[in-house]
């Protein structure tokens, strides 16, 4: 008789690209979310929680490195519509604002926090589900709103434990890049988008890789050939020079050279209001910049960019906006020690239209092979003036920032500023099952005083197992009450932290002077534990 195959058991494993979070990790994330929300709220942003599911039509074709949205999102068809899990928190905001704009104030300032999902190839530290914390201002074209986002980003990093000197916010403007592409004769939107996606890989593949991808293409690490954009050599060179504008300016500053007078600025655009401002302020600014190399570097970087955009109106407008942002931030105390102009920042998403920015951590960590490397970007954003227009047909300017919470937590772990074991609950042990109600009464008293506590619900026969359980939970103390202690209305409080320390390296005298177990009247238990937990 043939043997019937047993039903296959379900595999207990996390899907590829996803992970589970336990205890301390969840607590740490919540603490970080609360800290970020405090800063966002302080800046006047209101909370918004939008749907995790959107129509593919509402999400739009803005994912990097894909031509169709459902190649980069988790999507499914329902009746005639395609639905998808959101891939960020910005596209849903555009839909929400367009849908409820008549009831919302203008400008509308909102922050949102939650998981997003991307159907892309996972890798080390790269997951398909991760948390983002966004703040956006919708309904104003003022560059002051972009500058405010950068200032708020600095305050947020400080709030979560990343101090000035450990990060830099790098700022660029998409209009400047568009001006460069216009100057080299690249008008086709598809070509421009391909160039944008390519130079956004600068940090990953370096100058040589970008050159190859802008040209005929290159082989990746697997040996597969990736087709290039097909630019001419002189066009490629112009893009590379644009990306290296800050480095070129830095070399000139290091040699003690800098542009004298307004020169290139005023020649390029004498009718510009911003250039008129710089005409009157030029002497003052150059003196200030010469006393501060970082300010001088920003100044020289802008001059490099002016030479690259030529007479492109959109490019010059982008440079004016960068100047204005630098001025606004400097006056608020957010100088180039924290916020710098860097043309290599382009951001991969296709919906940005103006200023773009990234927060990069500058300290080094060891990789899996022990080699030092920079941690990299933990936040980014920019201006996206056309995203809401898709729904309304009317121009609705907007700007915002998104913080990658999981990357920020990983950075704090790498710096040793978080990641310690979270304290577990006080464990009330069980010496007699018939007295369970009394043990739970002790537990309720502790909880009422704000002390985290639980009764041991396992098999109470082996008392050693109860203490092992408490150790595994990371409990700071265990409460013990047998019939003798109950008759005298006292408990034994075992300090598990002190006990663990003394068991390792304490002398006999230290044991006598610092007993890890203390008899305490039940009426004094809360006070005793509060003192112990401190």
Protein backbone atom coordinates (compact mmCIF):
# COMPACT_ATOMS: atom_id res chain seq x y z
CA UNK A 1 0.00 0.00 0.00
CA UNK A 2 1.42 3.36 -1.03
CA UNK A 3 2.35 5.65 1.81
CA UNK A 4 0.41 8.88 1.90
CA UNK A 5 2.63 11.95 1.98
CA UNK A 6 2.20 14.00 5.10
CA UNK A 7 1.10 17.60 4.62
CA UNK A 8 4.13 19.87 4.32
CA UNK A 9 4.70 21.98 7.39
CA UNK A 10 4.85 25.71 6.96
CA UNK A 11 8.38 27.09 7.14
CA UNK A 12 9.01 29.33 10.11
CA UNK A 13 11.16 31.95 8.41
CA UNK A 14 10.99 35.67 7.72
CA UNK A 15 10.39 36.53 4.04
CA UNK A 16 13.49 37.68 2.17
CA UNK A 17 14.13 41.36 2.63
CA UNK A 18 12.09 41.64 5.82
CA UNK A 19 12.96 41.21 9.49
CA UNK A 20 11.40 40.91 12.93
CA UNK A 21 11.95 43.42 15.73
CA UNK A 22 11.97 42.48 19.40
CA UNK A 23 11.69 44.21 22.77
CA UNK A 24 14.50 46.73 23.06
CA UNK A 25 14.56 47.42 19.31
CA UNK A 26 10.89 48.38 19.30
CA UNK A 27 11.33 50.51 22.42
CA UNK A 28 14.34 52.30 20.94
CA UNK A 29 12.50 53.03 17.73
CA UNK A 30 9.50 54.42 19.59
CA UNK A 31 11.78 56.65 21.66
CA UNK A 32 13.39 57.95 18.47
CA UNK A 33 10.02 58.52 16.80
CA UNK A 34 8.86 60.44 19.87
CA UNK A 35 12.03 62.58 19.86
CA UNK A 36 11.68 63.39 16.15
CA UNK A 37 7.96 64.13 16.55
CA UNK A 38 8.79 66.56 19.37
CA UNK A 39 11.00 68.64 17.05
CA UNK A 40 8.55 68.49 14.15
CA UNK A 41 5.74 69.57 16.48
CA UNK A 42 7.89 72.37 17.90
CA UNK A 43 8.33 73.73 14.38
CA UNK A 44 4.56 73.90 13.95
CA UNK A 45 3.89 70.76 11.91
CA UNK A 46 0.70 68.77 12.53
CA UNK A 47 0.52 64.97 12.58
CA UNK A 48 -1.04 63.04 9.69
CA UNK A 49 -1.58 59.31 9.36
CA UNK A 50 -2.53 58.36 5.80
CA UNK A 51 -3.46 54.98 4.36
CA UNK A 52 -0.69 52.40 3.87
CA UNK A 53 -2.36 51.41 0.58
CA UNK A 54 -2.67 53.74 -2.41
CA UNK A 55 -3.74 53.30 -5.98
CA UNK A 56 -0.79 52.82 -8.34
CA UNK A 57 -2.13 55.80 -10.27
CA UNK A 58 -1.85 57.99 -7.16
CA UNK A 59 1.68 56.82 -6.39
CA UNK A 60 2.87 57.79 -9.87
CA UNK A 61 6.04 56.83 -11.73
CA UNK A 62 8.59 58.29 -9.37
CA UNK A 63 10.51 55.31 -8.00
CA UNK A 64 14.24 55.40 -8.84
CA UNK A 65 15.64 52.95 -11.41
CA UNK A 66 12.26 51.70 -12.66
CA UNK A 67 10.09 52.57 -15.64
CA UNK A 68 6.79 51.28 -14.25
CA UNK A 69 5.62 51.74 -10.64
CA UNK A 70 4.61 48.10 -10.14
CA UNK A 71 8.21 47.05 -10.78
CA UNK A 72 9.28 48.74 -7.56
CA UNK A 73 6.21 48.41 -5.34
CA UNK A 74 4.12 45.58 -3.91
CA UNK A 75 1.02 45.86 -6.08
CA UNK A 76 -2.11 43.83 -6.80
CA UNK A 77 -5.23 44.25 -8.90
CA UNK A 78 -8.62 44.79 -7.32
CA UNK A 79 -11.51 45.06 -9.80
CA UNK A 80 -10.37 47.63 -12.36
CA UNK A 81 -7.81 49.33 -10.09
CA UNK A 82 -4.24 48.46 -9.25
CA UNK A 83 -3.43 49.02 -5.56
CA UNK A 84 0.00 49.09 -3.92
CA UNK A 85 1.68 49.49 -0.56
CA UNK A 86 3.12 53.00 -0.32
CA UNK A 87 6.80 53.26 -1.18
CA UNK A 88 7.26 56.58 0.65
CA UNK A 89 5.18 59.10 2.63
CA UNK A 90 5.38 61.95 0.11
CA UNK A 91 3.28 60.57 -2.74
CA UNK A 92 0.40 59.81 -0.29
CA UNK A 93 0.66 63.39 1.03
CA UNK A 94 0.11 64.74 -2.48
CA UNK A 95 -3.07 62.67 -2.78
CA UNK A 96 -4.28 63.70 0.71
CA UNK A 97 -3.70 67.41 0.05
CA UNK A 98 -5.41 67.27 -3.34
CA UNK A 99 -8.38 65.40 -1.85
CA UNK A 100 -8.84 67.60 1.25
CA UNK A 101 -7.34 70.92 0.15
CA UNK A 102 -10.56 72.87 0.72
CA UNK A 103 -10.54 71.94 4.41
CA UNK A 104 -6.79 72.35 4.99
CA UNK A 105 -4.91 75.57 5.76
CA UNK A 106 -2.48 76.98 3.20
CA UNK A 107 0.38 76.45 3.67
CA UNK A 108 -0.34 72.99 5.08
CA UNK A 109 2.42 71.73 7.38
CA UNK A 110 2.30 68.07 8.30
CA UNK A 111 4.52 65.33 9.64
CA UNK A 112 4.00 61.60 9.21
CA UNK A 113 5.72 58.49 10.55
CA UNK A 114 5.37 54.87 9.60
CA UNK A 115 6.58 51.92 7.53
CA UNK A 116 7.01 52.03 3.75
CA UNK A 117 7.57 49.12 1.36
CA UNK A 118 9.76 48.77 -1.72
CA UNK A 119 9.80 45.72 -3.93
CA UNK A 120 13.49 45.85 -4.76
CA UNK A 121 16.46 43.56 -4.34
CA UNK A 122 17.41 43.30 -0.65
CA UNK A 123 21.00 43.40 0.54
CA UNK A 124 23.08 43.86 3.69
CA UNK A 125 21.28 46.47 5.78
CA UNK A 126 18.80 47.05 2.94
CA UNK A 127 15.26 45.88 3.68
CA UNK A 128 11.99 45.93 1.77
CA UNK A 129 10.14 47.41 4.74
CA UNK A 130 11.51 50.31 6.75
CA UNK A 131 10.35 53.32 8.75
CA UNK A 132 10.36 56.92 7.59
CA UNK A 133 9.68 60.19 9.42
CA UNK A 134 8.59 62.97 7.08
CA UNK A 135 7.81 66.65 7.49
CA UNK A 136 6.47 68.72 4.60
CA UNK A 137 5.17 72.19 3.85
CA UNK A 138 2.63 72.31 1.00
CA UNK A 139 1.41 75.52 -0.61
CA UNK A 140 4.38 77.92 -0.54
CA UNK A 141 7.15 78.55 -3.06
CA UNK A 142 9.26 80.50 -0.56
CA UNK A 143 12.89 79.39 -0.32
CA UNK A 144 12.56 80.17 3.40
CA UNK A 145 10.48 76.98 3.69
CA UNK A 146 13.36 74.94 2.20
CA UNK A 147 15.84 76.60 4.55
CA UNK A 148 13.57 75.90 7.53
CA UNK A 149 13.46 72.20 6.66
CA UNK A 150 17.29 72.09 6.70
CA UNK A 151 17.43 73.89 10.05
CA UNK A 152 14.83 71.53 11.50
CA UNK A 153 16.83 68.56 10.24
CA UNK A 154 19.88 69.82 12.16
CA UNK A 155 17.81 70.23 15.34
CA UNK A 156 16.34 66.75 14.92
CA UNK A 157 19.74 65.09 14.55
CA UNK A 158 20.93 66.85 17.69
CA UNK A 159 17.80 65.75 19.56
CA UNK A 160 18.39 62.06 18.80
CA UNK A 161 22.08 62.19 19.77
CA UNK A 162 23.97 63.12 16.57
CA UNK A 163 26.01 66.21 17.44
CA UNK A 164 27.39 68.90 15.13
CA UNK A 165 30.67 67.62 13.73
CA UNK A 166 29.24 64.11 13.30
CA UNK A 167 27.02 65.11 10.37
CA UNK A 168 26.73 67.52 7.46
CA UNK A 169 23.61 68.55 5.54
CA UNK A 170 24.54 68.80 1.87
CA UNK A 171 22.36 71.08 -0.27
CA UNK A 172 21.99 71.37 -4.04
CA UNK A 173 19.29 72.54 -6.47
CA UNK A 174 17.79 70.51 -9.32
CA UNK A 175 17.44 73.72 -11.33
CA UNK A 176 21.24 74.05 -11.38
CA UNK A 177 21.58 70.55 -12.78
CA UNK A 178 18.87 71.30 -15.33
CA UNK A 179 20.82 74.40 -16.29
CA UNK A 180 23.95 72.33 -16.86
CA UNK A 181 22.01 69.83 -18.99
CA UNK A 182 20.49 72.72 -20.92
CA UNK A 183 23.94 74.23 -21.45
CA UNK A 184 25.21 70.96 -22.98
CA UNK A 185 22.19 70.69 -25.27
CA UNK A 186 20.35 67.86 -23.51
CA UNK A 187 16.66 68.69 -23.95
CA UNK A 188 14.99 65.26 -24.04
CA UNK A 189 13.20 64.54 -20.74
CA UNK A 190 13.86 60.80 -20.91
CA UNK A 191 17.58 61.45 -21.39
CA UNK A 192 17.58 63.92 -18.50
CA UNK A 193 15.86 61.41 -16.21
CA UNK A 194 18.41 58.75 -17.19
CA UNK A 195 21.28 61.16 -16.42
CA UNK A 196 19.67 61.97 -13.08
CA UNK A 197 19.40 58.31 -12.06
CA UNK A 198 22.99 57.73 -13.15
CA UNK A 199 24.66 60.55 -11.24
CA UNK A 200 22.66 59.64 -8.15
CA UNK A 201 24.86 56.51 -8.09
CA UNK A 202 28.01 58.61 -7.75
CA UNK A 203 28.62 57.54 -4.13
CA UNK A 204 28.25 53.85 -5.09
CA UNK A 205 30.18 53.55 -8.37
CA UNK A 206 32.49 56.58 -8.22
CA UNK A 207 33.53 58.91 -11.01
CA UNK A 208 34.71 56.11 -13.33
CA UNK A 209 31.45 54.20 -12.97
CA UNK A 210 29.36 57.31 -13.62
CA UNK A 211 31.45 58.13 -16.71
CA UNK A 212 30.83 54.64 -18.08
CA UNK A 213 27.11 54.72 -17.32
CA UNK A 214 26.71 58.15 -18.90
CA UNK A 215 28.43 56.76 -22.00
CA UNK A 216 28.12 53.28 -23.48
CA UNK A 217 27.61 51.40 -20.22
CA UNK A 218 29.54 49.16 -17.83
CA UNK A 219 29.66 45.70 -16.28
CA UNK A 220 28.40 45.43 -12.71
CA UNK A 221 29.93 43.24 -10.00
CA UNK A 222 28.05 40.18 -11.27
CA UNK A 223 29.50 40.63 -14.76
CA UNK A 224 26.18 41.70 -16.29
CA UNK A 225 26.41 44.61 -18.74
CA UNK A 226 24.36 47.72 -17.94
CA UNK A 227 23.49 49.91 -20.88
CA UNK A 228 24.61 53.53 -20.63
CA UNK A 229 22.80 56.77 -21.37
CA UNK A 230 24.79 57.36 -24.54
CA UNK A 231 26.03 60.92 -23.99
CA UNK A 232 28.88 62.33 -26.06
CA UNK A 233 32.29 62.66 -24.40
CA UNK A 234 32.07 66.46 -24.05
CA UNK A 235 28.62 66.13 -22.46
CA UNK A 236 29.89 63.51 -20.02
CA UNK A 237 32.80 65.76 -19.09
CA UNK A 238 30.47 68.67 -18.32
CA UNK A 239 28.38 66.50 -16.00
CA UNK A 240 31.50 65.20 -14.21
CA UNK A 241 32.81 68.76 -13.78
CA UNK A 242 29.43 69.74 -12.31
CA UNK A 243 29.60 66.90 -9.78
CA UNK A 244 33.14 67.92 -8.81
CA UNK A 245 32.46 71.65 -8.53
CA UNK A 246 32.83 71.70 -4.75
CA UNK A 247 36.05 69.67 -4.84
CA UNK A 248 37.50 72.05 -7.44
CA UNK A 249 36.51 75.05 -5.33
CA UNK A 250 38.06 73.40 -2.25
CA UNK A 251 41.37 72.95 -4.09
CA UNK A 252 41.39 76.62 -5.04
CA UNK A 253 40.61 77.72 -1.48
CA UNK A 254 43.40 75.45 -0.19
CA UNK A 255 45.83 77.27 -2.50
CA UNK A 256 44.70 80.61 -1.08
CA UNK A 257 42.88 81.59 -4.26
CA UNK A 258 39.35 82.91 -4.59
CA UNK A 259 37.23 84.90 -7.00
CA UNK A 260 37.72 88.64 -6.67
CA UNK A 261 34.50 90.64 -6.75
CA UNK A 262 31.15 89.61 -8.13
CA UNK A 263 32.69 88.98 -11.57
CA UNK A 264 31.12 85.86 -13.00
CA UNK A 265 27.87 86.35 -11.08
CA UNK A 266 27.08 89.84 -12.39
CA UNK A 267 28.31 89.18 -15.90
CA UNK A 268 26.10 86.10 -16.11
CA UNK A 269 22.90 87.75 -14.92
CA UNK A 270 22.97 91.50 -14.36
CA UNK A 271 19.17 91.72 -14.14
CA UNK A 272 18.90 89.21 -11.32
CA UNK A 273 17.51 90.56 -8.04
CA UNK A 274 19.77 88.19 -6.15
CA UNK A 275 22.81 89.40 -8.09
CA UNK A 276 21.91 93.00 -7.22
CA UNK A 277 21.84 91.95 -3.57
CA UNK A 278 25.24 90.37 -3.98
CA UNK A 279 26.56 93.46 -5.77
CA UNK A 280 25.96 95.57 -2.66
CA UNK A 281 26.98 92.86 -0.20
CA UNK A 282 29.95 91.50 -2.14
CA UNK A 283 32.74 93.29 -0.31
CA UNK A 284 31.26 92.45 3.08
CA UNK A 285 30.74 88.83 2.12
CA UNK A 286 34.23 88.34 0.74
CA UNK A 287 35.75 89.73 3.93
CA UNK A 288 33.60 87.44 6.04
CA UNK A 289 34.37 84.48 3.80
CA UNK A 290 38.11 85.08 3.91
CA UNK A 291 37.95 84.81 7.69
CA UNK A 292 35.96 81.57 7.47
CA UNK A 293 37.23 78.92 4.99
CA UNK A 294 33.92 77.01 5.04
CA UNK A 295 31.93 80.10 4.02
CA UNK A 296 34.52 80.88 1.40
CA UNK A 297 34.18 77.33 0.07
CA UNK A 298 30.41 77.72 -0.32
CA UNK A 299 30.98 81.04 -2.09
CA UNK A 300 33.51 79.58 -4.50
CA UNK A 301 31.33 76.53 -5.18
CA UNK A 302 28.53 78.84 -6.33
CA UNK A 303 30.94 80.65 -8.64
CA UNK A 304 32.02 77.31 -10.13
CA UNK A 305 28.39 76.51 -10.83
CA UNK A 306 27.80 79.87 -12.52
CA UNK A 307 30.52 79.09 -14.98
CA UNK A 308 28.88 75.74 -15.77
CA UNK A 309 25.27 76.87 -16.32
CA UNK A 310 26.28 79.71 -18.63
CA UNK A 311 23.26 81.87 -19.43
CA UNK A 312 20.68 79.21 -18.61
CA UNK A 313 17.85 81.07 -16.88
CA UNK A 314 16.73 78.03 -14.88
CA UNK A 315 20.32 77.27 -13.81
CA UNK A 316 20.92 80.82 -12.61
CA UNK A 317 17.62 80.78 -10.76
CA UNK A 318 18.75 77.64 -8.94
CA UNK A 319 22.01 79.32 -7.92
CA UNK A 320 20.10 82.36 -6.64
CA UNK A 321 17.97 80.06 -4.50
CA UNK A 322 21.06 78.36 -3.08
CA UNK A 323 22.51 81.76 -2.18
CA UNK A 324 19.30 82.79 -0.47
CA UNK A 325 19.11 79.54 1.49
CA UNK A 326 22.71 79.94 2.66
CA UNK A 327 21.96 83.51 3.77
CA UNK A 328 18.79 82.55 5.67
CA UNK A 329 20.44 79.63 7.43
CA UNK A 330 23.55 81.59 8.31
CA UNK A 331 21.49 84.31 9.96
CA UNK A 332 19.79 81.66 12.12
CA UNK A 333 23.12 80.19 13.21
CA UNK A 334 23.16 77.19 10.87
CA UNK A 335 26.45 77.89 9.15
CA UNK A 336 28.63 75.85 6.80
CA UNK A 337 29.97 73.85 9.73
CA UNK A 338 26.65 71.98 9.46
CA UNK A 339 25.08 72.89 6.09
CA UNK A 340 27.13 73.05 2.88
CA UNK A 341 26.48 73.51 -0.84
CA UNK A 342 27.38 70.32 -2.71
CA UNK A 343 26.46 69.76 -6.40
CA UNK A 344 26.94 65.99 -6.10
CA UNK A 345 23.60 65.74 -4.24
CA UNK A 346 20.84 65.09 -6.78
CA UNK A 347 18.42 62.63 -5.04
CA UNK A 348 17.10 59.67 -7.00
CA UNK A 349 13.35 60.30 -7.01
CA UNK A 350 12.07 61.98 -10.15
CA UNK A 351 9.64 64.42 -8.56
CA UNK A 352 12.14 66.95 -7.15
CA UNK A 353 12.08 70.35 -8.87
CA UNK A 354 14.26 72.72 -6.80
CA UNK A 355 16.46 72.57 -3.68
CA UNK A 356 17.45 69.04 -2.62
CA UNK A 357 19.34 68.05 0.50
CA UNK A 358 20.79 65.06 2.33
CA UNK A 359 22.04 64.59 5.88
CA UNK A 360 25.22 62.54 5.84
CA UNK A 361 26.94 61.18 8.94
CA UNK A 362 30.65 61.96 8.81
CA UNK A 363 32.02 59.61 11.46
CA UNK A 364 33.59 56.31 10.50
CA UNK A 365 32.44 52.80 11.40
CA UNK A 366 33.98 49.40 10.68
CA UNK A 367 32.45 47.30 7.91
CA UNK A 368 32.01 43.52 8.08
CA UNK A 369 35.73 43.09 7.31
CA UNK A 370 36.86 45.63 9.90
CA UNK A 371 37.68 48.33 7.34
CA UNK A 372 36.80 51.95 8.24
CA UNK A 373 34.05 53.56 6.20
CA UNK A 374 31.65 56.48 6.53
CA UNK A 375 28.14 55.64 7.62
CA UNK A 376 26.54 57.78 4.90
CA UNK A 377 23.12 59.32 4.39
CA UNK A 378 20.33 59.05 6.99
CA UNK A 379 17.88 61.67 5.69
CA UNK A 380 17.02 63.53 2.54
CA UNK A 381 14.42 65.61 0.83
CA UNK A 382 13.77 68.63 -1.32
CA UNK A 383 11.27 70.70 -3.24
CA UNK A 384 8.64 68.98 -5.40
CA UNK A 385 6.38 71.60 -6.95
CA UNK A 386 4.69 69.35 -9.51
CA UNK A 387 3.55 66.39 -7.42
CA UNK A 388 0.16 67.74 -6.30
CA UNK A 389 -0.39 69.25 -9.76
CA UNK A 390 -0.95 65.73 -11.12
CA UNK A 391 -4.21 65.63 -9.16
CA UNK A 392 -5.40 69.26 -9.32
CA UNK A 393 -4.07 70.58 -12.61
CA UNK A 394 -2.93 73.65 -10.66
CA UNK A 395 0.57 74.52 -9.50
CA UNK A 396 0.98 73.61 -5.81
CA UNK A 397 4.54 74.15 -4.50
CA UNK A 398 5.81 71.87 -1.72
CA UNK A 399 9.00 70.96 0.11
CA UNK A 400 9.90 68.37 2.74
CA UNK A 401 12.33 65.94 4.31
CA UNK A 402 12.33 62.24 5.15
CA UNK A 403 14.44 60.64 7.89
CA UNK A 404 15.31 56.95 7.66
CA UNK A 405 14.71 55.83 11.24
CA UNK A 406 16.25 52.37 10.88
CA UNK A 407 19.47 53.79 9.42
CA UNK A 408 19.60 56.45 12.13
CA UNK A 409 19.19 53.81 14.83
CA UNK A 410 21.94 51.73 13.21
CA UNK A 411 24.18 54.80 13.29
CA UNK A 412 23.56 55.33 17.01
CA UNK A 413 24.30 51.65 17.61
CA UNK A 414 27.58 52.04 15.72
CA UNK A 415 28.49 55.03 17.90
CA UNK A 416 27.63 53.09 21.06
CA UNK A 417 24.95 55.63 21.98
CA UNK A 418 22.13 53.11 22.07
CA UNK A 419 21.58 49.39 21.77
CA UNK A 420 22.04 48.43 25.41
CA UNK A 421 19.79 45.77 26.83
CA UNK A 422 16.45 47.18 27.93
CA UNK A 423 15.51 46.69 31.57
CA UNK A 424 12.91 43.98 32.01
CA UNK A 425 10.05 43.92 34.52
CA UNK A 426 10.34 43.20 38.23
CA UNK A 427 9.45 39.51 38.64
CA UNK A 428 7.15 38.46 41.47
CA UNK A 429 8.08 34.82 42.08
CA UNK A 430 5.58 32.15 43.09
CA UNK A 431 6.34 30.03 46.17
CA UNK A 432 2.80 28.70 46.63
CA UNK A 433 0.27 28.32 43.81
CA UNK A 434 -2.62 28.64 46.24
CA UNK A 435 -1.50 32.21 47.01
CA UNK A 436 -1.55 33.41 43.36
CA UNK A 437 -4.11 36.13 44.17
CA UNK A 438 -1.76 37.61 46.77
CA UNK A 439 1.16 37.60 44.34
CA UNK A 440 -0.98 39.34 41.74
CA UNK A 441 -2.03 41.87 44.38
CA UNK A 442 1.65 42.71 45.00
CA UNK A 443 2.11 43.06 41.24
CA UNK A 444 -0.90 45.36 40.93
CA UNK A 445 0.49 47.57 43.71
CA UNK A 446 3.80 47.94 41.83
CA UNK A 447 2.07 48.70 38.52
CA UNK A 448 -0.09 51.28 40.23
CA UNK A 449 3.09 53.06 41.28
CA UNK A 450 4.40 53.02 37.71
CA UNK A 451 6.80 50.11 38.18
CA UNK A 452 6.89 47.53 35.41
CA UNK A 453 6.12 44.13 36.99
CA UNK A 454 4.79 40.64 36.25
CA UNK A 455 3.98 37.43 38.13
CA UNK A 456 5.85 34.28 37.10
CA UNK A 457 3.33 32.01 35.35
CA UNK A 458 5.60 29.06 34.61
CA UNK A 459 6.01 25.91 36.70
CA UNK A 460 6.90 27.20 40.21
CA UNK A 461 8.31 23.90 41.54
CA UNK A 462 11.90 24.73 40.60
CA UNK A 463 12.69 28.13 42.13
CA UNK A 464 15.99 28.28 40.24
CA UNK A 465 14.09 28.29 36.97
CA UNK A 466 12.16 31.35 38.13
CA UNK A 467 15.40 33.26 38.70
CA UNK A 468 16.76 32.05 35.34
CA UNK A 469 13.60 33.42 33.73
CA UNK A 470 14.13 36.75 35.48
CA UNK A 471 17.74 36.87 34.23
CA UNK A 472 16.63 36.10 30.69
CA UNK A 473 14.10 38.94 30.84
CA UNK A 474 16.78 41.33 32.06
CA UNK A 475 14.82 41.92 35.24
CA UNK A 476 16.37 44.32 37.76
CA UNK A 477 14.82 42.59 40.79
CA UNK A 478 12.81 39.59 41.94
CA UNK A 479 10.23 39.61 44.74
CA UNK A 480 10.08 36.52 46.96
CA UNK A 481 7.40 35.82 49.53
CA UNK A 482 6.96 32.43 51.16
CA UNK A 483 4.46 31.57 53.88
CA UNK A 484 6.84 32.81 56.62
CA UNK A 485 7.28 36.22 54.91
CA UNK A 486 3.52 36.43 54.30
CA UNK A 487 2.80 35.86 57.98
CA UNK A 488 5.11 38.77 58.85
CA UNK A 489 3.83 40.95 55.96
CA UNK A 490 7.30 41.27 54.42
CA UNK A 491 8.97 40.24 51.15
CA UNK A 492 12.51 39.43 50.10
CA UNK A 493 13.80 41.72 47.33
CA UNK A 494 16.61 40.18 45.31
CA UNK A 495 18.68 42.80 43.47
CA UNK A 496 19.55 40.82 40.35
CA UNK A 497 21.85 43.47 38.88
CA UNK A 498 23.95 43.74 42.04
CA UNK A 499 23.81 39.98 42.51
CA UNK A 500 25.20 39.36 39.02
CA UNK A 501 28.00 41.83 39.60
CA UNK A 502 28.95 40.46 43.01
CA UNK A 503 28.91 36.88 41.80
CA UNK A 504 31.65 37.72 39.29
CA UNK A 505 34.31 39.67 41.17
CA UNK A 506 33.19 40.64 44.69
CA UNK A 507 35.23 40.00 47.79
CA UNK A 508 33.69 38.47 50.93
CA UNK A 509 33.67 41.91 52.56
CA UNK A 510 31.75 43.39 49.62
CA UNK A 511 29.20 40.61 49.88
CA UNK A 512 28.64 41.43 53.54
CA UNK A 513 28.47 45.20 52.98
CA UNK A 514 26.23 45.00 49.90
CA UNK A 515 23.81 42.10 50.28
CA UNK A 516 21.93 41.52 47.06
CA UNK A 517 18.84 40.29 48.93
CA UNK A 518 16.97 42.50 51.39
CA UNK A 519 13.92 41.92 53.58
CA UNK A 520 11.41 44.75 53.12
CA UNK A 521 7.97 45.37 54.70
CA UNK A 522 5.26 45.15 52.03
CA UNK A 523 4.22 48.70 52.85
CA UNK A 524 7.73 49.96 52.01
CA UNK A 525 8.18 47.83 48.86
CA UNK A 526 7.33 50.57 46.33
CA UNK A 527 9.74 53.07 47.91
CA UNK A 528 12.49 50.46 48.14
CA UNK A 529 12.12 49.44 44.48
CA UNK A 530 12.00 53.04 43.28
CA UNK A 531 15.30 53.67 45.04
CA UNK A 532 16.79 50.43 43.70
CA UNK A 533 15.68 51.10 40.11
CA UNK A 534 17.32 54.52 40.14
